[in-house]
């Protein structure tokens, strides 16, 4: 029996929104010139966190996901990702209990698979035949894969500047991919396609942005559920690489569920690791209205958003969290290298968590004995060219021991 009530509500003004009207955010707040995403409503009385072992992927937690009883889930075995303790690296930055939730182990190598599994399942259950996504790559690859598994058509609106690997990943799953020059162009075109063609949006289409498909965002709740099982307690801090705040808000909602179910007493502090700084600017403003900053290129292109969202800001403020801006490519790539030396190769946009958490530890904002969990959102294999630029050329040698020794510095 599911807890989902078949409707959504605004977290700010509590306005009820029906499923068909969920993708533009709260209409009441929009009339106040405030862009706010809406979220599925649940009744958790009598609901258990117990995992349904017969279900695939995140749908072991189906009773806490926004699916109607007659909706068949679409799973590729997402979720149940490992939690890895980084003892040596943690010691070097002054943290005794530093962990990484390795979301690169998902089917398309990013945590977007959790969102896509739930969003595509909901879309198919609602009778959709075409899904559309505006994406820099990870979101598009995930939606394309799950749409293929669901037998749905997928259209991906990406950017000309994204790495070719990202485009290939979308195309190979059967998505019809087109590239545009800028993010705002994608959103405008996507809104028109949704209105004129009746396509179902898998990502954000509102301007100013509110965040992604609200059903899919709740797929991220399962990260919180898994962490409680893996740690056998609540982490003190959770650090999430952040653009539009979907992961930040979704994970926070998962911890809110756990508190309401009596599984935990407090939620962890949520920290946004960001490339351009709109969350830091928004928190400093103390306003409800998200602040925009200047756009610029970043090696962490997957999260290089100049705009914050209400949902992300609220997750930070409600948990006493913070945001850390890492705007130097060299620092991000150094973090990627450090993580690789510990056996984890993550995308630059994911590696941003390491310089962020290092800064927090150095500034005393997190303490040595805190349990700190960082979300490794995507694999470095998504953008190998960025990494290659930091590495030496591979020498070609003759099959001779002297040549080998010279090449590797033995002589």
Protein backbone atom coordinates (compact mmCIF):
# COMPACT_ATOMS: atom_id res chain seq x y z
CA UNK A 1 0.00 0.00 0.00
CA UNK A 2 1.51 3.34 -1.03
CA UNK A 3 1.55 6.51 1.04
CA UNK A 4 1.36 8.86 -1.97
CA UNK A 5 -1.88 10.84 -2.00
CA UNK A 6 -2.05 11.51 -5.75
CA UNK A 7 -1.45 15.26 -5.45
CA UNK A 8 1.35 17.73 -4.83
CA UNK A 9 1.69 20.77 -2.59
CA UNK A 10 3.80 23.89 -2.33
CA UNK A 11 6.27 23.75 0.59
CA UNK A 12 5.94 27.51 1.05
CA UNK A 13 2.21 28.34 0.88
CA UNK A 14 0.79 24.78 1.00
CA UNK A 15 -1.28 25.27 -2.16
CA UNK A 16 -2.49 21.95 -3.55
CA UNK A 17 -1.53 21.22 -7.16
CA UNK A 18 -2.88 18.40 -9.30
CA UNK A 19 -0.47 16.12 -11.15
CA UNK A 20 -1.21 17.57 -14.61
CA UNK A 21 -0.18 21.04 -13.43
CA UNK A 22 2.90 20.07 -11.46
CA UNK A 23 5.74 20.98 -13.81
CA UNK A 24 5.63 24.79 -13.65
CA UNK A 25 5.78 24.96 -9.86
CA UNK A 26 3.35 26.65 -7.50
CA UNK A 27 0.90 28.99 -9.31
CA UNK A 28 0.14 30.97 -6.15
CA UNK A 29 3.78 31.74 -5.42
CA UNK A 30 4.37 32.53 -9.10
CA UNK A 31 1.75 35.28 -8.81
CA UNK A 32 3.95 36.74 -6.05
CA UNK A 33 6.93 36.62 -8.46
CA UNK A 34 8.49 33.73 -6.54
CA UNK A 35 9.36 30.49 -8.33
CA UNK A 36 8.73 27.48 -6.05
CA UNK A 37 8.66 23.80 -6.96
CA UNK A 38 5.84 21.63 -5.67
CA UNK A 39 6.34 18.20 -4.10
CA UNK A 40 4.31 15.00 -3.81
CA UNK A 41 2.17 14.64 -0.69
CA UNK A 42 2.31 11.48 1.45
CA UNK A 43 0.41 10.06 4.39
CA UNK A 44 3.04 8.18 6.40
CA UNK A 45 0.87 6.80 9.20
CA UNK A 46 1.32 3.04 9.20
CA UNK A 47 4.06 3.12 6.55
CA UNK A 48 7.25 1.13 7.16
CA UNK A 49 10.77 1.76 5.92
CA UNK A 50 11.20 -1.96 5.39
CA UNK A 51 12.57 -2.71 1.93
CA UNK A 52 10.56 -4.88 -0.45
CA UNK A 53 13.26 -7.36 -1.44
CA UNK A 54 11.20 -8.60 -4.38
CA UNK A 55 11.29 -5.19 -6.09
CA UNK A 56 14.07 -3.94 -8.36
CA UNK A 57 16.20 -0.87 -7.76
CA UNK A 58 14.81 2.07 -5.82
CA UNK A 59 11.36 0.54 -5.98
CA UNK A 60 12.13 -1.50 -2.91
CA UNK A 61 11.00 1.76 -1.28
CA UNK A 62 7.91 2.04 -3.47
CA UNK A 63 5.59 2.85 -0.56
CA UNK A 64 7.54 6.11 -0.14
CA UNK A 65 7.62 7.07 -3.82
CA UNK A 66 5.00 9.01 -5.84
CA UNK A 67 3.50 6.15 -7.82
CA UNK A 68 -0.10 5.03 -7.96
CA UNK A 69 -0.84 1.42 -7.11
CA UNK A 70 -1.47 0.45 -10.73
CA UNK A 71 1.76 1.99 -12.07
CA UNK A 72 4.36 -0.53 -13.21
CA UNK A 73 7.85 0.65 -12.23
CA UNK A 74 10.69 0.95 -14.74
CA UNK A 75 13.97 -0.13 -13.18
CA UNK A 76 17.46 -0.86 -14.45
CA UNK A 77 18.76 -1.85 -11.02
CA UNK A 78 19.57 1.66 -9.84
CA UNK A 79 20.36 2.45 -6.22
CA UNK A 80 21.95 0.33 -3.48
CA UNK A 81 25.22 2.12 -4.19
CA UNK A 82 28.21 1.57 -1.89
CA UNK A 83 29.17 3.88 0.96
CA UNK A 84 32.95 4.12 1.02
CA UNK A 85 34.97 5.37 3.96
CA UNK A 86 37.96 7.50 2.96
CA UNK A 87 40.20 7.03 5.97
CA UNK A 88 43.51 8.34 4.62
CA UNK A 89 42.05 11.20 2.64
CA UNK A 90 39.82 12.15 5.55
CA UNK A 91 42.78 12.15 7.91
CA UNK A 92 44.68 14.50 5.61
CA UNK A 93 41.90 17.10 5.69
CA UNK A 94 41.10 16.66 9.38
CA UNK A 95 38.05 14.38 9.31
CA UNK A 96 37.98 10.98 11.02
CA UNK A 97 34.68 9.84 9.47
CA UNK A 98 34.58 10.96 5.85
CA UNK A 99 32.41 8.87 3.52
CA UNK A 100 31.51 8.92 -0.15
CA UNK A 101 28.19 7.61 -1.45
CA UNK A 102 29.41 6.32 -4.82
CA UNK A 103 26.58 7.07 -7.23
CA UNK A 104 28.80 6.34 -10.23
CA UNK A 105 27.74 2.69 -9.77
CA UNK A 106 24.27 3.42 -11.14
CA UNK A 107 23.34 2.08 -14.61
CA UNK A 108 24.23 5.25 -16.55
CA UNK A 109 26.97 6.21 -14.06
CA UNK A 110 25.20 9.01 -12.23
CA UNK A 111 22.68 9.59 -9.48
CA UNK A 112 20.28 10.96 -12.10
CA UNK A 113 19.19 7.33 -12.60
CA UNK A 114 17.24 7.53 -9.35
CA UNK A 115 15.33 10.56 -10.64
CA UNK A 116 14.81 9.07 -14.10
CA UNK A 117 13.53 5.74 -12.77
CA UNK A 118 10.74 7.42 -10.81
CA UNK A 119 9.97 10.20 -13.31
CA UNK A 120 9.75 7.83 -16.29
CA UNK A 121 7.70 5.32 -14.31
CA UNK A 122 5.24 8.06 -13.36
CA UNK A 123 5.12 9.39 -16.92
CA UNK A 124 4.37 5.98 -18.42
CA UNK A 125 1.74 5.34 -15.78
CA UNK A 126 0.12 8.67 -16.69
CA UNK A 127 -0.07 7.66 -20.36
CA UNK A 128 2.85 9.63 -21.80
CA UNK A 129 4.30 8.58 -25.14
CA UNK A 130 7.16 11.12 -25.39
CA UNK A 131 9.40 12.53 -22.68
CA UNK A 132 11.62 15.58 -23.16
CA UNK A 133 14.63 16.71 -21.16
CA UNK A 134 16.86 19.79 -21.17
CA UNK A 135 20.28 18.56 -20.15
CA UNK A 136 24.04 18.93 -20.07
CA UNK A 137 24.36 15.16 -20.25
CA UNK A 138 23.88 13.15 -17.06
CA UNK A 139 20.17 13.85 -16.79
CA UNK A 140 19.70 13.20 -20.51
CA UNK A 141 21.57 9.89 -20.49
CA UNK A 142 19.52 8.68 -17.53
CA UNK A 143 16.18 9.70 -19.01
CA UNK A 144 17.13 8.22 -22.41
CA UNK A 145 18.01 4.87 -20.84
CA UNK A 146 14.84 4.63 -18.75
CA UNK A 147 12.65 5.85 -21.60
CA UNK A 148 14.14 3.09 -23.76
CA UNK A 149 13.35 0.53 -21.08
CA UNK A 150 9.82 1.91 -20.81
CA UNK A 151 9.21 1.94 -24.55
CA UNK A 152 8.82 5.74 -24.63
CA UNK A 153 10.17 8.21 -27.15
CA UNK A 154 12.82 10.55 -25.71
CA UNK A 155 13.84 13.98 -27.00
CA UNK A 156 16.94 15.58 -25.44
CA UNK A 157 17.73 19.29 -25.75
CA UNK A 158 21.39 19.75 -24.93
CA UNK A 159 24.11 22.36 -25.39
CA UNK A 160 26.59 22.63 -28.23
CA UNK A 161 29.38 22.89 -25.65
CA UNK A 162 28.82 19.60 -23.80
CA UNK A 163 31.44 16.84 -24.30
CA UNK A 164 30.83 14.41 -27.16
CA UNK A 165 30.70 11.54 -24.66
CA UNK A 166 27.58 13.02 -23.12
CA UNK A 167 25.90 13.28 -26.52
CA UNK A 168 26.85 9.70 -27.39
CA UNK A 169 25.41 8.41 -24.13
CA UNK A 170 22.08 10.03 -24.90
CA UNK A 171 22.00 8.91 -28.53
CA UNK A 172 23.03 5.32 -27.92
CA UNK A 173 19.93 4.78 -25.76
CA UNK A 174 17.80 5.99 -28.65
CA UNK A 175 17.17 9.61 -27.66
CA UNK A 176 16.63 12.15 -30.42
CA UNK A 177 19.28 14.71 -29.48
CA UNK A 178 19.56 18.31 -30.63
CA UNK A 179 22.03 20.94 -29.42
CA UNK A 180 21.35 24.62 -28.75
CA UNK A 181 23.63 27.52 -27.90
CA UNK A 182 22.36 28.36 -24.41
CA UNK A 183 20.38 27.08 -21.46
CA UNK A 184 17.57 29.64 -21.72
CA UNK A 185 17.03 28.66 -25.36
CA UNK A 186 16.51 25.04 -24.29
CA UNK A 187 13.93 25.98 -21.67
CA UNK A 188 11.97 28.19 -24.06
CA UNK A 189 11.89 25.47 -26.71
CA UNK A 190 11.01 22.82 -24.15
CA UNK A 191 8.05 24.83 -22.83
CA UNK A 192 6.73 25.26 -26.35
CA UNK A 193 7.08 21.52 -27.06
CA UNK A 194 5.29 20.58 -23.85
CA UNK A 195 2.46 23.01 -24.60
CA UNK A 196 2.09 22.27 -28.32
CA UNK A 197 3.01 18.57 -28.54
CA UNK A 198 1.88 17.35 -25.13
CA UNK A 199 5.29 15.92 -24.25
CA UNK A 200 6.08 15.16 -20.61
CA UNK A 201 9.01 17.14 -19.13
CA UNK A 202 11.66 15.22 -17.22
CA UNK A 203 13.68 18.31 -16.26
CA UNK A 204 12.93 21.88 -15.36
CA UNK A 205 11.17 24.08 -17.90
CA UNK A 206 10.04 27.01 -15.75
CA UNK A 207 11.82 30.36 -15.92
CA UNK A 208 12.96 31.37 -13.34
CA UNK A 209 13.74 27.73 -12.57
CA UNK A 210 12.04 25.78 -9.81
CA UNK A 211 13.89 22.48 -10.30
CA UNK A 212 13.19 19.29 -12.20
CA UNK A 213 10.25 16.93 -12.57
CA UNK A 214 8.86 16.84 -9.00
CA UNK A 215 8.02 13.13 -9.13
CA UNK A 216 11.57 12.27 -10.14
CA UNK A 217 13.11 14.41 -7.41
CA UNK A 218 11.61 12.05 -4.85
CA UNK A 219 13.76 9.29 -6.33
CA UNK A 220 16.65 10.97 -4.51
CA UNK A 221 14.90 10.31 -1.19
CA UNK A 222 16.18 6.75 -1.46
CA UNK A 223 19.76 7.98 -0.91
CA UNK A 224 18.75 9.05 2.60
CA UNK A 225 17.04 5.72 3.26
CA UNK A 226 20.13 3.80 2.15
CA UNK A 227 22.48 5.96 4.21
CA UNK A 228 20.59 5.27 7.42
CA UNK A 229 20.83 1.54 6.77
CA UNK A 230 24.50 1.68 5.81
CA UNK A 231 25.62 3.89 8.70
CA UNK A 232 23.11 2.58 11.24
CA UNK A 233 22.71 6.20 12.36
CA UNK A 234 22.17 9.70 10.98
CA UNK A 235 25.13 11.44 9.35
CA UNK A 236 25.97 14.87 10.72
CA UNK A 237 26.61 16.48 7.35
CA UNK A 238 25.66 15.58 3.76
CA UNK A 239 27.49 17.40 0.96
CA UNK A 240 25.84 17.49 -2.48
CA UNK A 241 27.22 18.98 -5.73
CA UNK A 242 24.40 21.36 -6.59
CA UNK A 243 22.87 23.16 -9.58
CA UNK A 244 19.08 23.46 -9.32
CA UNK A 245 18.92 21.77 -5.93
CA UNK A 246 17.09 18.59 -7.01
CA UNK A 247 19.45 16.23 -5.24
CA UNK A 248 19.79 18.49 -2.23
CA UNK A 249 16.01 18.82 -1.84
CA UNK A 250 15.27 15.18 -2.59
CA UNK A 251 17.79 13.78 -0.11
CA UNK A 252 16.56 16.23 2.52
CA UNK A 253 12.97 15.08 1.91
CA UNK A 254 14.15 11.53 2.49
CA UNK A 255 15.57 12.45 5.87
CA UNK A 256 12.34 14.32 6.69
CA UNK A 257 10.45 11.09 5.96
CA UNK A 258 12.76 9.17 8.26
CA UNK A 259 12.19 11.65 11.06
CA UNK A 260 8.41 11.48 10.61
CA UNK A 261 8.58 7.68 10.62
CA UNK A 262 10.49 7.78 13.91
CA UNK A 263 13.64 6.25 12.40
CA UNK A 264 15.80 9.27 13.26
CA UNK A 265 15.51 12.25 15.60
CA UNK A 266 17.26 14.96 13.58
CA UNK A 267 18.17 15.52 9.96
CA UNK A 268 21.77 16.17 8.89
CA UNK A 269 23.04 19.57 7.83
CA UNK A 270 22.73 19.81 4.07
CA UNK A 271 25.63 21.46 2.25
CA UNK A 272 25.60 22.63 -1.37
CA UNK A 273 28.94 22.44 -3.17
CA UNK A 274 28.57 24.84 -6.08
CA UNK A 275 30.66 26.23 -8.91
CA UNK A 276 29.28 29.74 -9.44
CA UNK A 277 27.80 30.80 -6.11
CA UNK A 278 24.06 31.58 -6.41
CA UNK A 279 23.26 29.64 -3.22
CA UNK A 280 25.89 31.46 -1.18
CA UNK A 281 24.58 34.76 -2.53
CA UNK A 282 20.99 33.78 -1.79
CA UNK A 283 21.79 32.69 1.77
CA UNK A 284 23.65 35.94 2.37
CA UNK A 285 20.69 37.97 1.09
CA UNK A 286 18.35 36.41 3.69
CA UNK A 287 15.56 36.82 1.12
CA UNK A 288 13.09 34.19 -0.02
CA UNK A 289 13.85 35.08 -3.62
CA UNK A 290 16.79 33.16 -5.13
CA UNK A 291 19.70 35.32 -6.26
CA UNK A 292 21.30 35.04 -9.69
CA UNK A 293 25.01 35.51 -10.36
CA UNK A 294 27.03 35.97 -13.54
CA UNK A 295 27.36 32.91 -15.75
CA UNK A 296 30.82 31.75 -16.76
CA UNK A 297 32.49 28.56 -18.02
CA UNK A 298 33.52 25.96 -15.45
CA UNK A 299 35.13 22.54 -15.62
CA UNK A 300 32.20 21.56 -13.38
CA UNK A 301 29.84 22.33 -16.27
CA UNK A 302 27.16 19.87 -15.10
CA UNK A 303 26.43 22.06 -12.08
CA UNK A 304 27.54 25.48 -13.36
CA UNK A 305 24.19 27.16 -12.77
CA UNK A 306 24.10 30.92 -12.15
CA UNK A 307 20.63 30.58 -10.59
CA UNK A 308 19.62 29.06 -7.25
CA UNK A 309 16.20 27.56 -6.54
CA UNK A 310 13.83 27.96 -3.63
CA UNK A 311 13.87 24.20 -2.98
CA UNK A 312 17.66 24.13 -2.64
CA UNK A 313 17.83 27.22 -0.44
CA UNK A 314 15.11 25.86 1.81
CA UNK A 315 16.89 22.50 2.25
CA UNK A 316 19.99 24.36 3.40
CA UNK A 317 18.21 26.80 5.69
CA UNK A 318 15.86 24.25 7.27
CA UNK A 319 18.78 22.00 8.26
CA UNK A 320 21.22 24.69 9.43
CA UNK A 321 23.45 23.88 6.49
CA UNK A 322 25.53 26.06 4.22
CA UNK A 323 26.93 26.45 0.73
CA UNK A 324 30.55 26.44 -0.41
CA UNK A 325 31.62 28.03 -3.68
CA UNK A 326 34.54 26.39 -5.47
CA UNK A 327 35.06 28.57 -8.52
CA UNK A 328 38.61 27.63 -9.48
CA UNK A 329 38.96 24.86 -12.06
CA UNK A 330 42.40 23.98 -10.71
CA UNK A 331 40.96 23.25 -7.23
CA UNK A 332 38.18 21.10 -8.66
CA UNK A 333 40.57 19.09 -10.84
CA UNK A 334 42.98 18.70 -7.92
CA UNK A 335 40.07 17.26 -5.92
CA UNK A 336 39.34 14.87 -8.77
CA UNK A 337 42.98 13.74 -8.71
CA UNK A 338 42.95 13.26 -4.94
CA UNK A 339 39.83 11.13 -5.15
CA UNK A 340 41.36 9.09 -7.98
CA UNK A 341 44.38 8.44 -5.77
CA UNK A 342 41.90 6.90 -3.31
CA UNK A 343 40.41 4.72 -6.06
CA UNK A 344 37.43 6.88 -7.08
CA UNK A 345 37.25 8.50 -10.52
CA UNK A 346 34.39 10.98 -10.56
CA UNK A 347 33.34 13.76 -12.91
CA UNK A 348 34.75 17.20 -12.10
CA UNK A 349 31.22 18.34 -11.23
CA UNK A 350 31.10 15.58 -8.62
CA UNK A 351 34.67 16.05 -7.38
CA UNK A 352 33.77 19.60 -6.29
CA UNK A 353 32.62 18.12 -2.97
CA UNK A 354 36.21 17.47 -1.87
CA UNK A 355 37.55 21.05 -1.97
CA UNK A 356 34.24 22.15 -0.45
CA UNK A 357 34.47 19.79 2.50
CA UNK A 358 38.18 20.58 2.90
CA UNK A 359 37.31 24.26 3.23
CA UNK A 360 34.60 23.55 5.80
CA UNK A 361 36.94 21.38 7.87
CA UNK A 362 39.72 23.99 7.76
CA UNK A 363 37.29 26.70 8.85
CA UNK A 364 35.90 24.68 11.74
CA UNK A 365 32.41 24.53 10.26
CA UNK A 366 32.53 20.74 10.43
CA UNK A 367 34.41 18.91 13.15
CA UNK A 368 36.88 16.05 13.14
CA UNK A 369 34.45 13.57 14.66
CA UNK A 370 31.46 14.52 12.48
CA UNK A 371 30.10 11.84 10.16
CA UNK A 372 30.37 13.55 6.78
CA UNK A 373 28.84 11.94 3.68
CA UNK A 374 29.66 13.35 0.24
CA UNK A 375 27.58 12.40 -2.78
CA UNK A 376 29.72 11.37 -5.76
CA UNK A 377 27.08 12.25 -8.31
CA UNK A 378 28.65 11.07 -11.59
CA UNK A 379 31.56 9.20 -13.16
CA UNK A 380 34.72 10.76 -14.54
CA UNK A 381 34.16 8.68 -17.66
CA UNK A 382 31.53 11.26 -18.66
CA UNK A 383 34.26 13.82 -19.43
CA UNK A 384 37.68 12.21 -19.82
CA UNK A 385 39.05 15.13 -21.86
CA UNK A 386 38.95 17.41 -18.82
CA UNK A 387 40.98 14.88 -16.86
CA UNK A 388 43.37 14.19 -19.73
CA UNK A 389 44.44 17.82 -19.71
CA UNK A 390 45.88 17.36 -16.21
CA UNK A 391 47.88 14.22 -17.05
CA UNK A 392 51.23 13.68 -18.79
CA UNK A 393 51.37 12.20 -22.27
CA UNK A 394 51.75 8.42 -22.40
CA UNK A 395 55.22 7.64 -23.79
CA UNK A 396 55.73 5.04 -26.51
CA UNK A 397 58.75 2.83 -25.93
CA UNK A 398 60.57 -0.14 -27.41
CA UNK A 399 60.21 -3.54 -25.66
CA UNK A 400 63.38 -2.89 -23.72
CA UNK A 401 63.88 -2.78 -19.95
CA UNK A 402 66.19 0.23 -20.17
CA UNK A 403 63.55 2.15 -22.13
CA UNK A 404 60.91 1.14 -19.59
CA UNK A 405 63.07 2.16 -16.64
CA UNK A 406 63.83 5.51 -18.28
CA UNK A 407 60.17 6.14 -19.08
CA UNK A 408 58.95 5.48 -15.54
CA UNK A 409 61.83 7.25 -13.83
CA UNK A 410 63.70 4.21 -12.55
CA UNK A 411 66.96 5.50 -14.03
